[in-house]
Amino acid sequence: MEEDRFNSPNTSAVALDVLGHQLQFSQDPNSKHLGTTVWDASMVFVKYLERNCRKGRFSPVKLKGKRVIELGAGCGLAGFGMALLGCDVVSTDQVEVLPLLMRNVERNVSRITQTNHDSGSFGSINVAELDWGNKEHIQAVDPPFDYIIGTDVVYAEHLLDPLMQTIFGLSGPRTTIMLGYEIRSTSVHKQMLEMWKNNFEVKTIPKTKMDSKYQHDSIQLFIMGLKNQAGVPQNPFPSHAEDDGPKHENDEDEEIPEEPAGSIDYNRKGLSELSEIIQKKNRNLNDWEARRVGSVAARLLQNVKIT
């Protein structure tokens, strides 16, 4: 159904309210580069930050001045979520994507500084080229960083090793890694989790911690910390005695239960989801529902062979 596709040739911008600011991101879903599309996982990521920023590890008092690097930034949405909480962000991608990324950064920084809302908590956001595995690019951004973030950066097996090497190069002993993505290949997902668990302490964010609207079974968020050479985790979830600020109930520094990953039958779930949306055909779909129609349909079509 053409009207249900979000990333259509006529869709050149995506608007989203984040932390009281109306942000707008230009995109080009029909370009030859995947980085020119605003992917759903970045929306889930920033809305997760928004939901959990009143207290705990993602409160502005905790994040003010923290150095953040965004990998595979694309249109730049996830980085803005961290910058709005007071972080100094470097958004990176391949050189082909940088013009669009810089345009989005300039436009939204201008919107934030000119708005009537209080923008005093806004940190900063800059753009840099970073090809994964390129040692010169890694050194040029001046590691280590307090946070490494990325959304929808894992979609092919050949990217797993250079992504891992880049994370190592950007990390210090207390770096926290936050990645979110939509599962499109169960085999890549399995390899990714195995690689991550061999090197990181991995926590999966439960759906109960996410925004009630901006979440989906196939989109997962992870918080990770590096293990040291002896294989002992460098705890990215410090005790309250080690961290700044008072202890809060439901603080995000607490143990995050790990959800079973890769256990969903995505074809079955996808068909069920489409069926539910079709039953709503007598009303217009909102933007999020329209995006999910396109994403689920694309996932199902991956397994269809035309003879």
Protein backbone atom coordinates (compact mmCIF):
# COMPACT_ATOMS: atom_id res chain seq x y z
CA MET A 1 0.00 0.00 0.00
CA GLU A 2 1.84 3.11 -1.26
CA GLU A 3 0.05 5.42 1.17
CA ASP A 4 1.37 3.37 4.09
CA ARG A 5 5.02 3.73 3.13
CA PHE A 6 6.83 6.32 5.19
CA ASN A 7 10.10 6.44 3.26
CA SER A 8 8.49 7.37 -0.03
CA PRO A 9 10.00 9.59 -2.75
CA ASN A 10 7.92 12.48 -1.38
CA THR A 11 9.24 12.16 2.18
CA SER A 12 12.17 14.54 2.47
CA ALA A 13 12.01 15.34 6.19
CA VAL A 14 11.07 13.76 9.51
CA ALA A 15 9.84 15.86 12.46
CA LEU A 16 9.99 14.62 16.04
CA ASP A 17 9.43 16.26 19.41
CA VAL A 18 12.39 15.47 21.66
CA LEU A 19 12.68 16.83 25.20
CA GLY A 20 10.36 19.71 24.40
CA HIS A 21 12.09 20.69 21.16
CA GLN A 22 10.57 20.16 17.73
CA LEU A 23 13.45 18.75 15.68
CA GLN A 24 13.40 18.26 11.93
CA PHE A 25 15.73 16.01 9.99
CA SER A 26 16.18 16.03 6.23
CA GLN A 27 16.47 12.60 4.69
CA ASP A 28 16.81 11.00 1.28
CA PRO A 29 15.46 7.42 1.55
CA ASN A 30 15.97 6.85 -2.18
CA SER A 31 19.68 7.61 -2.19
CA LYS A 32 22.25 4.85 -2.63
CA HIS A 33 23.48 5.26 0.96
CA LEU A 34 21.65 3.78 3.96
CA GLY A 35 22.85 6.66 6.15
CA THR A 36 20.50 9.16 4.53
CA THR A 37 17.37 7.72 6.16
CA VAL A 38 16.02 8.36 9.66
CA TRP A 39 15.68 4.79 10.96
CA ASP A 40 13.15 3.79 13.60
CA ALA A 41 15.78 2.60 16.10
CA SER A 42 17.07 6.17 16.45
CA MET A 43 13.55 7.30 17.40
CA VAL A 44 13.29 4.53 19.99
CA PHE A 45 16.71 5.55 21.36
CA VAL A 46 15.96 9.27 21.84
CA LYS A 47 12.51 8.56 23.27
CA TYR A 48 14.13 6.14 25.72
CA LEU A 49 16.46 8.95 26.82
CA GLU A 50 13.52 11.30 27.14
CA ARG A 51 11.58 8.86 29.32
CA ASN A 52 14.52 8.21 31.66
CA CYS A 53 16.13 11.66 31.97
CA ARG A 54 14.29 12.91 35.06
CA LYS A 55 16.65 11.05 37.39
CA GLY A 56 19.46 8.56 37.31
CA ARG A 57 22.28 8.15 34.83
CA PHE A 58 20.55 10.04 32.00
CA SER A 59 19.60 13.14 33.97
CA PRO A 60 21.21 16.37 32.69
CA VAL A 61 23.08 16.80 35.99
CA LYS A 62 24.81 13.46 35.33
CA LEU A 63 25.43 13.99 31.61
CA LYS A 64 26.45 17.66 31.53
CA GLY A 65 29.83 17.91 29.81
CA LYS A 66 30.16 14.19 29.07
CA ARG A 67 31.95 13.45 25.79
CA VAL A 68 29.88 11.37 23.36
CA ILE A 69 30.68 10.00 19.93
CA GLU A 70 27.96 8.75 17.61
CA LEU A 71 28.94 6.08 15.10
CA GLY A 72 27.10 5.82 11.80
CA ALA A 73 25.16 8.94 12.71
CA GLY A 74 23.34 9.18 9.39
CA CYS A 75 20.82 12.00 9.79
CA GLY A 76 21.98 12.67 13.36
CA LEU A 77 18.89 12.09 15.52
CA ALA A 78 20.47 9.95 18.27
CA GLY A 79 23.30 12.41 18.82
CA PHE A 80 20.84 15.23 19.34
CA GLY A 81 19.16 13.25 22.11
CA MET A 82 22.45 13.20 24.05
CA ALA A 83 23.29 16.85 23.23
CA LEU A 84 19.90 17.98 24.54
CA LEU A 85 20.83 16.39 27.88
CA GLY A 86 24.04 18.42 28.09
CA CYS A 87 26.61 16.19 26.36
CA ASP A 88 29.31 17.34 23.95
CA VAL A 89 28.66 15.12 20.94
CA VAL A 90 30.73 14.26 17.88
CA SER A 91 28.46 12.78 15.20
CA THR A 92 30.40 10.71 12.68
CA ASP A 93 29.78 8.91 9.43
CA GLN A 94 31.33 8.25 6.03
CA VAL A 95 32.22 11.23 3.88
CA GLU A 96 29.28 10.68 1.50
CA VAL A 97 26.79 11.23 4.32
CA LEU A 98 28.45 14.27 5.92
CA PRO A 99 26.75 17.02 3.84
CA LEU A 100 23.28 15.84 4.90
CA LEU A 101 24.42 15.29 8.49
CA MET A 102 25.96 18.77 8.71
CA ARG A 103 22.82 20.34 7.28
CA ASN A 104 20.70 18.60 9.91
CA VAL A 105 23.07 19.66 12.70
CA GLU A 106 23.10 23.30 11.61
CA ARG A 107 19.32 23.42 11.17
CA ASN A 108 18.48 21.85 14.53
CA VAL A 109 21.09 23.72 16.56
CA SER A 110 19.56 26.90 15.14
CA ARG A 111 16.05 25.72 16.05
CA ILE A 112 17.13 24.89 19.60
CA THR A 113 18.95 28.17 20.24
CA GLN A 114 16.14 30.28 18.74
CA THR A 115 13.26 28.54 20.46
CA ASN A 116 11.42 30.04 23.38
CA HIS A 117 12.19 26.93 25.42
CA ASP A 118 15.13 26.99 27.79
CA SER A 119 18.13 25.73 25.80
CA GLY A 120 20.61 26.23 28.65
CA SER A 121 21.03 22.50 29.16
CA PHE A 122 22.03 21.93 25.52
CA GLY A 123 25.61 20.75 25.18
CA SER A 124 27.17 20.81 21.72
CA ILE A 125 27.23 18.73 18.57
CA ASN A 126 29.88 18.64 15.86
CA VAL A 127 30.42 16.50 12.76
CA ALA A 128 33.47 14.44 11.76
CA GLU A 129 34.34 11.79 9.19
CA LEU A 130 34.99 8.35 10.64
CA ASP A 131 35.37 5.21 8.57
CA TRP A 132 35.28 2.23 10.92
CA GLY A 133 38.71 0.73 11.43
CA ASN A 134 40.52 3.83 10.12
CA LYS A 135 43.14 4.57 12.81
CA GLU A 136 43.76 8.12 11.58
CA HIS A 137 40.05 8.97 11.78
CA ILE A 138 39.83 7.43 15.25
CA GLN A 139 42.78 9.42 16.59
CA ALA A 140 41.52 12.63 14.98
CA VAL A 141 38.38 12.69 17.16
CA ASP A 142 40.56 12.56 20.33
CA PRO A 143 39.46 9.44 22.24
CA PRO A 144 38.57 8.19 24.78
CA PHE A 145 34.89 9.12 25.13
CA ASP A 146 32.52 8.80 28.05
CA TYR A 147 29.80 7.37 25.79
CA ILE A 148 29.82 5.66 22.40
CA ILE A 149 26.38 5.52 20.79
CA GLY A 150 24.93 4.17 17.56
CA THR A 151 21.58 3.16 16.10
CA ASP A 152 20.98 0.74 13.25
CA VAL A 153 24.69 0.33 12.65
CA VAL A 154 24.58 -3.50 12.59
CA TYR A 155 22.99 -4.88 9.45
CA ALA A 156 25.70 -6.96 7.72
CA GLU A 157 28.26 -9.51 8.88
CA HIS A 158 31.25 -7.74 7.30
CA LEU A 159 30.63 -4.67 9.49
CA LEU A 160 30.91 -6.48 12.83
CA ASP A 161 34.71 -6.64 13.09
CA PRO A 162 35.49 -3.03 11.97
CA LEU A 163 32.75 -1.77 14.31
CA MET A 164 34.31 -3.70 17.20
CA GLN A 165 37.80 -2.40 16.44
CA THR A 166 36.49 1.17 16.24
CA ILE A 167 34.73 0.86 19.60
CA PHE A 168 37.97 -0.42 21.15
CA GLY A 169 39.89 2.51 19.67
CA LEU A 170 37.41 5.08 21.02
CA SER A 171 37.02 3.58 24.50
CA GLY A 172 38.60 4.16 27.87
CA PRO A 173 38.25 1.97 30.98
CA ARG A 174 34.95 3.62 32.00
CA THR A 175 33.37 4.16 28.58
CA THR A 176 29.70 3.23 28.27
CA ILE A 177 28.48 1.91 24.91
CA MET A 178 24.84 2.33 23.92
CA LEU A 179 23.62 0.69 20.73
CA GLY A 180 20.14 0.27 19.33
CA TYR A 181 19.06 -1.50 16.19
CA GLU A 182 16.27 -3.32 14.43
CA ILE A 183 16.82 -7.04 13.89
CA ARG A 184 16.73 -7.75 10.17
CA SER A 185 18.89 -10.86 10.00
CA THR A 186 18.77 -13.47 12.76
CA SER A 187 22.15 -14.87 11.69
CA VAL A 188 23.87 -11.46 11.90
CA HIS A 189 22.08 -10.83 15.19
CA LYS A 190 23.40 -14.10 16.63
CA GLN A 191 26.98 -13.39 15.52
CA MET A 192 26.79 -9.86 16.87
CA LEU A 193 25.58 -10.95 20.32
CA GLU A 194 28.28 -13.61 20.54
CA MET A 195 30.98 -11.10 19.64
CA TRP A 196 29.67 -8.49 22.05
CA LYS A 197 29.35 -10.89 24.97
CA ASN A 198 32.93 -12.05 24.43
CA ASN A 199 34.17 -8.49 24.85
CA PHE A 200 31.55 -6.54 26.79
CA GLU A 201 29.28 -6.74 29.76
CA VAL A 202 25.98 -6.59 27.88
CA LYS A 203 22.63 -5.42 29.27
CA THR A 204 19.45 -5.39 27.21
CA ILE A 205 17.05 -2.54 27.95
CA PRO A 206 13.63 -3.97 28.86
CA LYS A 207 10.55 -2.67 27.06
CA THR A 208 9.22 -1.38 30.40
CA LYS A 209 12.00 1.23 30.38
CA MET A 210 11.16 2.45 26.86
CA ASP A 211 8.61 4.98 25.71
CA SER A 212 5.20 3.32 25.58
CA LYS A 213 4.69 4.29 21.93
CA TYR A 214 8.21 4.26 20.51
CA GLN A 215 9.11 0.61 20.98
CA HIS A 216 8.80 -2.58 18.98
CA ASP A 217 9.59 -6.28 19.39
CA SER A 218 12.23 -6.19 16.66
CA ILE A 219 14.01 -3.06 17.98
CA GLN A 220 16.41 -3.59 20.86
CA LEU A 221 18.60 -1.25 22.91
CA PHE A 222 21.81 -2.36 24.61
CA ILE A 223 24.05 -0.78 27.25
CA MET A 224 27.55 -2.24 27.40
CA GLY A 225 30.94 -1.79 29.03
CA LEU A 226 34.31 -3.18 28.02
CA LYS A 227 35.88 -6.16 29.75
CA ASN A 228 39.50 -5.80 30.78
CA GLN A 229 42.27 -8.06 29.53
CA ALA A 230 41.57 -10.62 32.23
CA GLY A 231 37.99 -10.91 31.02
CA VAL A 232 36.57 -9.09 34.03
CA PRO A 233 33.94 -6.46 33.14
CA GLN A 234 34.99 -2.80 33.60
CA ASN A 235 31.51 -2.22 35.10
CA PRO A 236 29.66 0.44 33.05
CA PHE A 237 27.00 0.48 35.80
CA PRO A 238 28.89 2.07 38.71
CA SER A 239 27.62 1.96 42.26
CA HIS A 240 26.05 5.11 43.62
CA ALA A 241 29.06 5.54 45.86
CA GLU A 242 31.23 5.90 42.73
CA ASP A 243 28.84 8.10 40.77
CA ASP A 244 27.66 11.67 41.11
CA GLY A 245 24.36 12.63 42.60
CA PRO A 246 21.91 11.01 45.01
CA LYS A 247 20.46 7.54 44.74
CA HIS A 248 17.00 7.41 43.21
CA GLU A 249 14.43 4.70 43.11
CA ASN A 250 14.44 3.04 39.68
CA ASP A 251 17.80 4.66 38.92
CA GLU A 252 19.14 3.56 35.53
CA ASP A 253 22.44 2.56 37.21
CA GLU A 254 20.63 -0.38 38.74
CA GLU A 255 20.80 -3.87 37.28
CA ILE A 256 18.98 -4.03 33.98
CA PRO A 257 17.43 -7.45 33.39
CA GLU A 258 18.49 -9.03 30.15
CA GLU A 259 15.71 -9.95 27.76
CA PRO A 260 16.08 -13.06 25.63
CA ALA A 261 17.27 -11.97 22.21
CA GLY A 262 16.78 -13.74 18.93
CA SER A 263 13.95 -15.84 20.32
CA ILE A 264 11.20 -14.20 18.29
CA ASP A 265 9.81 -15.81 15.15
CA TYR A 266 9.91 -12.58 13.13
CA ASN A 267 7.98 -13.86 10.14
CA ARG A 268 5.12 -15.00 12.33
CA LYS A 269 5.24 -11.84 14.41
CA GLY A 270 5.37 -9.72 11.26
CA LEU A 271 2.30 -11.31 9.74
CA SER A 272 0.43 -10.87 13.01
CA GLU A 273 1.44 -7.23 13.18
CA LEU A 274 0.36 -6.49 9.63
CA SER A 275 -2.96 -8.19 10.32
CA GLU A 276 -3.56 -5.94 13.32
CA ILE A 277 -2.76 -2.80 11.31
CA ILE A 278 -4.98 -3.88 8.41
CA GLN A 279 -7.86 -4.12 10.87
CA LYS A 280 -7.37 -0.39 11.51
CA LYS A 281 -7.89 0.48 7.85
CA ASN A 282 -10.96 2.59 8.66
CA ARG A 283 -8.76 5.22 10.27
CA ASN A 284 -5.55 6.96 9.20
CA LEU A 285 -2.30 5.50 10.50
CA ASN A 286 -0.09 7.73 12.58
CA ASP A 287 3.54 8.23 11.51
CA TRP A 288 4.88 5.49 13.77
CA GLU A 289 2.32 2.91 12.55
CA ALA A 290 3.07 3.84 8.94
CA ARG A 291 6.78 3.39 9.50
CA ARG A 292 6.21 -0.02 11.04
CA VAL A 293 4.08 -1.16 8.08
CA GLY A 294 6.94 -0.39 5.72
CA SER A 295 9.56 -1.99 7.94
CA VAL A 296 7.62 -5.19 8.62
CA ALA A 297 6.70 -5.58 4.95
CA ALA A 298 10.34 -5.16 3.93
CA ARG A 299 11.43 -7.76 6.47
CA LEU A 300 8.89 -10.27 5.22
CA LEU A 301 9.79 -9.66 1.59
CA GLN A 302 13.43 -10.53 2.31
CA ASN A 303 12.38 -14.14 2.54
CA VAL A 304 10.17 -14.12 -0.57
CA LYS A 305 11.57 -15.68 -3.73
CA ILE A 306 9.88 -14.92 -7.04
CA THR A 307 10.12 -17.69 -9.62
